[in-house]
Amino acid sequence: MSDIEEALNEMSSEGLILEEQGKFKLTERGLQLGREWRNLLLKREPILEVVAGLTDGSITGLVATLSAFLAGLALNMAAFAAILSLATVSITNFSSFLLGGKTEDIADLLTLKTLMDYSVSDIPDKVERDKSLKLVKQLFVLLHKEISRSNLYAAVIAGTTTFIAGIMPIIAYLILPEPLDIIISLVIVGAVIGVFLVRYRSERTKVHWRITLAETVVIVTIAVIASLIIGAM
């Protein structure tokens, strides 16, 4: 029995593939497992990027509107300061995820390649060992290209999510009359944090939403208070 046939038999016995008229297709379990491996290797599910974007955007929007409200800034000054702050945070998030993610992923790939090379080196047959080493090399060339694409995708999501989450309360504060401006801005921030951020974190971590809500509120509150105190110095 060849290695391919043996692998197919093992996958079939584990319920990952089905054979129909000499053709193989993935089962639902196989598709799900494939997606999990793809997300793990290529980091295609932007969990960190979405959470960071929603958190940073909400905090920046809240701090910007509260600062303008407490300082009694004129409309043009409030708009300039708020949008400048939000744009800076959004661009910073984009740059951080692009550079940091690329560096981290390449380091992880090198570590994984070292481990796989060590495992392959134990193959006694030289021909089979050379084939395996060549396959490992081709695999990591492919992974490097895919991960580079994923890093750009993650950076765009982080920057865009940050800007969208922050610009909504800022626009509401700038265009609405008093006292609706600050009230609606706070409602928008509360909706972004309470509905989108908490719900997303709860679904991804499988933790009850009340626990996630308490954690999120505490962290955001501390960050906002610290920002306002530092800004007032």
C-alpha atoms as a PDB file:
ATOM      1  CA  MET A   1       0.000   0.000   0.000  1.00  0.00           C
ATOM      2  CA  SER A   2       1.394   3.414  -0.988  1.00  0.00           C
ATOM      3  CA  ASP A   3       1.705   6.319   1.441  1.00  0.00           C
ATOM      4  CA  ILE A   4      -1.132   8.149  -0.308  1.00  0.00           C
ATOM      5  CA  GLU A   5      -3.488   5.171  -0.066  1.00  0.00           C
ATOM      6  CA  GLU A   6      -2.592   4.673   3.575  1.00  0.00           C
ATOM      7  CA  ALA A   7      -3.232   8.355   4.327  1.00  0.00           C
ATOM      8  CA  LEU A   8      -6.573   8.241   2.492  1.00  0.00           C
ATOM      9  CA  ASN A   9      -7.633   5.141   4.421  1.00  0.00           C
ATOM     10  CA  GLU A  10      -6.741   6.794   7.713  1.00  0.00           C
ATOM     11  CA  MET A  11      -8.668   9.948   6.797  1.00  0.00           C
ATOM     12  CA  SER A  12     -11.641   7.849   5.728  1.00  0.00           C
ATOM     13  CA  SER A  13     -11.627   5.854   8.962  1.00  0.00           C
ATOM     14  CA  GLU A  14     -11.576   9.109  10.936  1.00  0.00           C
ATOM     15  CA  GLY A  15     -14.594  10.429   9.043  1.00  0.00           C
ATOM     16  CA  LEU A  16     -12.717  13.212   7.266  1.00  0.00           C
ATOM     17  CA  ILE A  17     -13.327  12.081   3.668  1.00  0.00           C
ATOM     18  CA  LEU A  18     -15.841  10.005   1.725  1.00  0.00           C
ATOM     19  CA  GLU A  19     -15.251   7.899  -1.356  1.00  0.00           C
ATOM     20  CA  GLU A  20     -17.931   7.995  -4.042  1.00  0.00           C
ATOM     21  CA  GLN A  21     -17.382   6.222  -7.382  1.00  0.00           C
ATOM     22  CA  GLY A  22     -13.638   6.335  -7.037  1.00  0.00           C
ATOM     23  CA  LYS A  23     -13.605  10.007  -6.082  1.00  0.00           C
ATOM     24  CA  PHE A  24     -12.869  11.471  -2.672  1.00  0.00           C
ATOM     25  CA  LYS A  25     -14.544  14.455  -1.087  1.00  0.00           C
ATOM     26  CA  LEU A  26     -14.266  16.063   2.321  1.00  0.00           C
ATOM     27  CA  THR A  27     -16.976  15.480   4.887  1.00  0.00           C
ATOM     28  CA  GLU A  28     -18.374  18.293   7.000  1.00  0.00           C
ATOM     29  CA  ARG A  29     -15.955  17.314   9.740  1.00  0.00           C
ATOM     30  CA  GLY A  30     -13.079  17.361   7.254  1.00  0.00           C
ATOM     31  CA  LEU A  31     -14.059  20.813   5.983  1.00  0.00           C
ATOM     32  CA  GLN A  32     -14.284  22.143   9.520  1.00  0.00           C
ATOM     33  CA  LEU A  33     -10.905  20.680  10.430  1.00  0.00           C
ATOM     34  CA  GLY A  34      -9.434  22.156   7.267  1.00  0.00           C
ATOM     35  CA  ARG A  35     -10.754  25.596   8.166  1.00  0.00           C
ATOM     36  CA  GLU A  36      -9.321  25.302  11.664  1.00  0.00           C
ATOM     37  CA  TRP A  37      -5.878  24.396  10.335  1.00  0.00           C
ATOM     38  CA  ARG A  38      -6.056  27.202   7.774  1.00  0.00           C
ATOM     39  CA  ASN A  39      -6.942  29.732  10.455  1.00  0.00           C
ATOM     40  CA  LEU A  40      -4.191  28.409  12.707  1.00  0.00           C
ATOM     41  CA  LEU A  41      -1.425  28.414  10.100  1.00  0.00           C
ATOM     42  CA  LEU A  42      -2.430  31.494   8.130  1.00  0.00           C
ATOM     43  CA  LYS A  43      -4.210  33.411  10.915  1.00  0.00           C
ATOM     44  CA  ARG A  44      -7.115  34.165   8.613  1.00  0.00           C
ATOM     45  CA  GLU A  45      -9.591  34.874  11.418  1.00  0.00           C
ATOM     46  CA  PRO A  46      -8.831  38.431  12.593  1.00  0.00           C
ATOM     47  CA  ILE A  47      -9.887  38.041  16.231  1.00  0.00           C
ATOM     48  CA  LEU A  48      -7.133  40.210  17.718  1.00  0.00           C
ATOM     49  CA  GLU A  49      -7.494  42.818  14.977  1.00  0.00           C
ATOM     50  CA  VAL A  50     -11.256  43.221  15.460  1.00  0.00           C
ATOM     51  CA  VAL A  51     -11.002  43.356  19.264  1.00  0.00           C
ATOM     52  CA  ALA A  52      -8.114  45.828  19.172  1.00  0.00           C
ATOM     53  CA  GLY A  53      -9.857  47.980  16.570  1.00  0.00           C
ATOM     54  CA  LEU A  54     -13.162  48.144  18.424  1.00  0.00           C
ATOM     55  CA  THR A  55     -11.431  48.795  21.757  1.00  0.00           C
ATOM     56  CA  ASP A  56      -8.980  51.441  20.538  1.00  0.00           C
ATOM     57  CA  GLY A  57     -11.575  53.144  18.357  1.00  0.00           C
ATOM     58  CA  SER A  58     -14.150  53.282  21.148  1.00  0.00           C
ATOM     59  CA  ILE A  59     -11.648  54.599  23.685  1.00  0.00           C
ATOM     60  CA  THR A  60     -10.286  57.207  21.268  1.00  0.00           C
ATOM     61  CA  GLY A  61     -13.756  58.373  20.260  1.00  0.00           C
ATOM     62  CA  LEU A  62     -14.903  58.553  23.880  1.00  0.00           C
ATOM     63  CA  VAL A  63     -11.806  60.397  25.078  1.00  0.00           C
ATOM     64  CA  ALA A  64     -11.964  62.829  22.155  1.00  0.00           C
ATOM     65  CA  THR A  65     -15.623  63.710  22.701  1.00  0.00           C
ATOM     66  CA  LEU A  66     -15.320  63.967  26.489  1.00  0.00           C
ATOM     67  CA  SER A  67     -12.215  66.149  26.170  1.00  0.00           C
ATOM     68  CA  ALA A  68     -13.934  68.497  23.729  1.00  0.00           C
ATOM     69  CA  PHE A  69     -17.045  68.606  25.922  1.00  0.00           C
ATOM     70  CA  LEU A  70     -15.189  69.262  29.185  1.00  0.00           C
ATOM     71  CA  ALA A  71     -12.866  71.830  27.603  1.00  0.00           C
ATOM     72  CA  GLY A  72     -15.727  73.577  25.828  1.00  0.00           C
ATOM     73  CA  LEU A  73     -13.863  73.644  22.523  1.00  0.00           C
ATOM     74  CA  ALA A  74     -15.303  75.383  19.508  1.00  0.00           C
ATOM     75  CA  LEU A  75     -16.640  73.193  16.703  1.00  0.00           C
ATOM     76  CA  ASN A  76     -13.673  73.586  14.368  1.00  0.00           C
ATOM     77  CA  MET A  77     -11.113  73.000  17.121  1.00  0.00           C
ATOM     78  CA  ALA A  78     -13.030  69.985  18.451  1.00  0.00           C
ATOM     79  CA  ALA A  79     -13.283  68.485  14.969  1.00  0.00           C
ATOM     80  CA  PHE A  80      -9.590  69.011  14.252  1.00  0.00           C
ATOM     81  CA  ALA A  81      -8.398  67.553  17.560  1.00  0.00           C
ATOM     82  CA  ALA A  82     -10.777  64.583  17.520  1.00  0.00           C
ATOM     83  CA  ILE A  83     -10.188  63.520  13.924  1.00  0.00           C
ATOM     84  CA  LEU A  84      -6.424  64.020  14.245  1.00  0.00           C
ATOM     85  CA  SER A  85      -6.330  61.818  17.364  1.00  0.00           C
ATOM     86  CA  LEU A  86      -8.443  59.113  15.748  1.00  0.00           C
ATOM     87  CA  ALA A  87      -6.454  59.131  12.502  1.00  0.00           C
ATOM     88  CA  THR A  88      -3.217  58.824  14.478  1.00  0.00           C
ATOM     89  CA  VAL A  89      -4.487  55.826  16.444  1.00  0.00           C
ATOM     90  CA  SER A  90      -5.866  54.156  13.292  1.00  0.00           C
ATOM     91  CA  ILE A  91      -2.621  54.568  11.355  1.00  0.00           C
ATOM     92  CA  THR A  92      -0.623  53.400  14.362  1.00  0.00           C
ATOM     93  CA  ASN A  93      -2.754  50.261  14.628  1.00  0.00           C
ATOM     94  CA  PHE A  94      -2.327  49.584  10.910  1.00  0.00           C
ATOM     95  CA  SER A  95       1.454  49.962  11.123  1.00  0.00           C
ATOM     96  CA  SER A  96       1.772  47.948  14.326  1.00  0.00           C
ATOM     97  CA  PHE A  97      -0.221  44.978  13.058  1.00  0.00           C
ATOM     98  CA  LEU A  98       1.549  45.015   9.699  1.00  0.00           C
ATOM     99  CA  LEU A  99       5.094  45.167  11.053  1.00  0.00           C
ATOM    100  CA  GLY A 100       4.530  43.297  14.308  1.00  0.00           C
ATOM    101  CA  GLY A 101       2.467  40.553  12.691  1.00  0.00           C
ATOM    102  CA  LYS A 102       4.978  40.052   9.904  1.00  0.00           C
ATOM    103  CA  THR A 103       7.871  39.785  12.345  1.00  0.00           C
ATOM    104  CA  GLU A 104       6.037  37.418  14.686  1.00  0.00           C
ATOM    105  CA  ASP A 105       4.770  35.162  11.911  1.00  0.00           C
ATOM    106  CA  ILE A 106       8.169  34.820  10.239  1.00  0.00           C
ATOM    107  CA  ALA A 107       9.720  33.958  13.601  1.00  0.00           C
ATOM    108  CA  ASP A 108       7.028  31.330  14.166  1.00  0.00           C
ATOM    109  CA  LEU A 109       7.582  29.907  10.680  1.00  0.00           C
ATOM    110  CA  LEU A 110      11.316  29.599  11.251  1.00  0.00           C
ATOM    111  CA  THR A 111      10.704  27.788  14.526  1.00  0.00           C
ATOM    112  CA  LEU A 112       8.210  25.434  12.882  1.00  0.00           C
ATOM    113  CA  LYS A 113      10.575  24.802   9.974  1.00  0.00           C
ATOM    114  CA  THR A 114      13.399  23.917  12.358  1.00  0.00           C
ATOM    115  CA  LEU A 115      11.172  21.416  14.159  1.00  0.00           C
ATOM    116  CA  MET A 116       9.975  19.860  10.892  1.00  0.00           C
ATOM    117  CA  ASP A 117      13.501  19.664   9.484  1.00  0.00           C
ATOM    118  CA  TYR A 118      14.598  17.877  12.644  1.00  0.00           C
ATOM    119  CA  SER A 119      11.722  15.395  12.340  1.00  0.00           C
ATOM    120  CA  VAL A 120      12.410  14.746   8.655  1.00  0.00           C
ATOM    121  CA  SER A 121      16.102  14.210   9.289  1.00  0.00           C
ATOM    122  CA  ASP A 122      15.233  11.016  11.193  1.00  0.00           C
ATOM    123  CA  ILE A 123      14.042   9.315   7.980  1.00  0.00           C
ATOM    124  CA  PRO A 124      16.667   6.601   7.279  1.00  0.00           C
ATOM    125  CA  ASP A 125      16.204   6.405   3.508  1.00  0.00           C
ATOM    126  CA  LYS A 126      18.182   9.221   1.848  1.00  0.00           C
ATOM    127  CA  VAL A 127      15.909   9.479  -1.200  1.00  0.00           C
ATOM    128  CA  GLU A 128      12.759   9.712   0.912  1.00  0.00           C
ATOM    129  CA  ARG A 129      14.475  12.160   3.265  1.00  0.00           C
ATOM    130  CA  ASP A 130      15.469  14.444   0.373  1.00  0.00           C
ATOM    131  CA  LYS A 131      11.917  14.312  -0.989  1.00  0.00           C
ATOM    132  CA  SER A 132      10.524  15.238   2.407  1.00  0.00           C
ATOM    133  CA  LEU A 133      12.971  18.111   2.831  1.00  0.00           C
ATOM    134  CA  LYS A 134      12.077  19.433  -0.612  1.00  0.00           C
ATOM    135  CA  LEU A 135       8.382  19.195   0.232  1.00  0.00           C
ATOM    136  CA  VAL A 136       8.946  21.059   3.511  1.00  0.00           C
ATOM    137  CA  LYS A 137      10.799  23.811   1.643  1.00  0.00           C
ATOM    138  CA  GLN A 138       7.974  24.203  -0.887  1.00  0.00           C
ATOM    139  CA  LEU A 139       5.424  24.215   1.915  1.00  0.00           C
ATOM    140  CA  PHE A 140       7.125  27.065   3.729  1.00  0.00           C
ATOM    141  CA  VAL A 141       7.525  29.113   0.567  1.00  0.00           C
ATOM    142  CA  LEU A 142       3.761  28.844   0.105  1.00  0.00           C
ATOM    143  CA  LEU A 143       3.056  29.599   3.766  1.00  0.00           C
ATOM    144  CA  HIS A 144       5.309  32.671   3.650  1.00  0.00           C
ATOM    145  CA  LYS A 145       3.374  34.127   0.717  1.00  0.00           C
ATOM    146  CA  GLU A 146       0.003  33.393   2.294  1.00  0.00           C
ATOM    147  CA  ILE A 147       1.008  34.788   5.685  1.00  0.00           C
ATOM    148  CA  SER A 148       2.350  37.986   4.099  1.00  0.00           C
ATOM    149  CA  ARG A 149      -1.043  38.462   2.460  1.00  0.00           C
ATOM    150  CA  SER A 150      -2.793  37.683   5.744  1.00  0.00           C
ATOM    151  CA  ASN A 151      -0.683  40.279   7.592  1.00  0.00           C
ATOM    152  CA  LEU A 152      -1.742  43.021   5.196  1.00  0.00           C
ATOM    153  CA  TYR A 153      -5.362  41.883   5.528  1.00  0.00           C
ATOM    154  CA  ALA A 154      -5.094  41.967   9.335  1.00  0.00           C
ATOM    155  CA  ALA A 155      -3.508  45.432   9.348  1.00  0.00           C
ATOM    156  CA  VAL A 156      -6.242  46.845   7.109  1.00  0.00           C
ATOM    157  CA  ILE A 157      -8.946  45.357   9.346  1.00  0.00           C
ATOM    158  CA  ALA A 158      -7.325  46.738  12.507  1.00  0.00           C
ATOM    159  CA  GLY A 159      -6.934  50.246  11.093  1.00  0.00           C
ATOM    160  CA  THR A 160     -10.382  50.350   9.469  1.00  0.00           C
ATOM    161  CA  THR A 161     -12.188  48.961  12.520  1.00  0.00           C
ATOM    162  CA  THR A 162     -10.437  51.486  14.750  1.00  0.00           C
ATOM    163  CA  PHE A 163     -11.445  54.400  12.549  1.00  0.00           C
ATOM    164  CA  ILE A 164     -15.075  53.306  12.125  1.00  0.00           C
ATOM    165  CA  ALA A 165     -15.579  52.608  15.835  1.00  0.00           C
ATOM    166  CA  GLY A 166     -14.108  55.995  16.751  1.00  0.00           C
ATOM    167  CA  ILE A 167     -15.546  58.239  14.055  1.00  0.00           C
ATOM    168  CA  MET A 168     -19.207  57.482  14.794  1.00  0.00           C
ATOM    169  CA  PRO A 169     -19.354  59.096  18.274  1.00  0.00           C
ATOM    170  CA  ILE A 170     -17.172  61.969  17.052  1.00  0.00           C
ATOM    171  CA  ILE A 171     -19.509  62.753  14.141  1.00  0.00           C
ATOM    172  CA  ALA A 172     -22.525  62.557  16.433  1.00  0.00           C
ATOM    173  CA  TYR A 173     -20.899  65.009  18.846  1.00  0.00           C
ATOM    174  CA  LEU A 174     -19.967  67.440  16.072  1.00  0.00           C
ATOM    175  CA  ILE A 175     -23.258  67.565  14.167  1.00  0.00           C
ATOM    176  CA  LEU A 176     -25.918  67.240  16.867  1.00  0.00           C
ATOM    177  CA  PRO A 177     -27.139  70.143  19.018  1.00  0.00           C
ATOM    178  CA  GLU A 178     -26.566  70.314  22.763  1.00  0.00           C
ATOM    179  CA  PRO A 179     -27.241  68.331  24.901  1.00  0.00           C
ATOM    180  CA  LEU A 180     -27.981  65.567  22.403  1.00  0.00           C
ATOM    181  CA  ASP A 181     -24.412  65.674  21.081  1.00  0.00           C
ATOM    182  CA  ILE A 182     -22.688  64.242  24.152  1.00  0.00           C
ATOM    183  CA  ILE A 183     -25.628  61.973  25.043  1.00  0.00           C
ATOM    184  CA  ILE A 184     -25.818  60.305  21.617  1.00  0.00           C
ATOM    185  CA  SER A 185     -22.024  60.019  21.486  1.00  0.00           C
ATOM    186  CA  LEU A 186     -21.986  58.139  24.776  1.00  0.00           C
ATOM    187  CA  VAL A 187     -24.851  55.925  23.582  1.00  0.00           C
ATOM    188  CA  ILE A 188     -22.934  55.061  20.405  1.00  0.00           C
ATOM    189  CA  VAL A 189     -19.791  54.186  22.358  1.00  0.00           C
ATOM    190  CA  GLY A 190     -21.852  52.095  24.759  1.00  0.00           C
ATOM    191  CA  ALA A 191     -23.479  50.268  21.825  1.00  0.00           C
ATOM    192  CA  VAL A 192     -20.139  49.545  20.146  1.00  0.00           C
ATOM    193  CA  ILE A 193     -18.638  48.248  23.369  1.00  0.00           C
ATOM    194  CA  GLY A 194     -21.703  46.523  24.784  1.00  0.00           C
ATOM    195  CA  VAL A 195     -23.074  44.970  21.609  1.00  0.00           C
ATOM    196  CA  PHE A 196     -20.282  44.488  19.102  1.00  0.00           C
ATOM    197  CA  LEU A 197     -17.145  44.149  21.244  1.00  0.00           C
ATOM    198  CA  VAL A 198     -18.619  42.182  24.148  1.00  0.00           C
ATOM    199  CA  ARG A 199     -20.691  39.928  21.896  1.00  0.00           C
ATOM    200  CA  TYR A 200     -17.751  39.194  19.613  1.00  0.00           C
ATOM    201  CA  ARG A 201     -15.401  38.407  22.505  1.00  0.00           C
ATOM    202  CA  SER A 202     -18.018  36.253  24.206  1.00  0.00           C
ATOM    203  CA  GLU A 203     -18.663  34.219  21.047  1.00  0.00           C
ATOM    204  CA  ARG A 204     -14.994  33.671  20.283  1.00  0.00           C
ATOM    205  CA  THR A 205     -13.911  32.812  23.843  1.00  0.00           C
ATOM    206  CA  LYS A 206     -17.082  30.866  24.796  1.00  0.00           C
ATOM    207  CA  VAL A 207     -17.261  32.903  28.006  1.00  0.00           C
ATOM    208  CA  HIS A 208     -20.574  34.175  29.358  1.00  0.00           C
ATOM    209  CA  TRP A 209     -21.318  37.668  28.084  1.00  0.00           C
ATOM    210  CA  ARG A 210     -21.745  39.078  31.591  1.00  0.00           C
ATOM    211  CA  ILE A 211     -18.184  38.162  32.520  1.00  0.00           C
ATOM    212  CA  THR A 212     -16.903  39.554  29.232  1.00  0.00           C
ATOM    213  CA  LEU A 213     -18.945  42.726  29.724  1.00  0.00           C
ATOM    214  CA  ALA A 214     -17.536  43.287  33.217  1.00  0.00           C
ATOM    215  CA  GLU A 215     -13.946  42.802  31.988  1.00  0.00           C
ATOM    216  CA  THR A 216     -14.454  45.111  29.030  1.00  0.00           C
ATOM    217  CA  VAL A 217     -16.124  47.882  31.008  1.00  0.00           C
ATOM    218  CA  VAL A 218     -13.408  47.860  33.665  1.00  0.00           C
ATOM    219  CA  ILE A 219     -10.592  47.991  31.110  1.00  0.00           C
ATOM    220  CA  VAL A 220     -12.210  50.727  28.996  1.00  0.00           C
ATOM    221  CA  THR A 221     -13.099  52.798  32.077  1.00  0.00           C
ATOM    222  CA  ILE A 222      -9.553  52.657  33.421  1.00  0.00           C
ATOM    223  CA  ALA A 223      -8.129  53.573  30.011  1.00  0.00           C
ATOM    224  CA  VAL A 224     -10.488  56.533  29.550  1.00  0.00           C
ATOM    225  CA  ILE A 225      -9.929  57.897  33.068  1.00  0.00           C
ATOM    226  CA  ALA A 226      -6.161  57.558  32.720  1.00  0.00           C
ATOM    227  CA  SER A 227      -6.247  59.329  29.338  1.00  0.00           C
ATOM    228  CA  LEU A 228      -8.327  62.209  30.712  1.00  0.00           C
ATOM    229  CA  ILE A 229      -6.065  62.603  33.747  1.00  0.00           C
ATOM    230  CA  ILE A 230      -2.925  62.626  31.633  1.00  0.00           C
ATOM    231  CA  GLY A 231      -4.507  65.073  29.197  1.00  0.00           C
ATOM    232  CA  ALA A 232      -5.448  67.435  32.021  1.00  0.00           C
ATOM    233  CA  MET A 233      -1.878  67.624  33.352  1.00  0.00           C
END
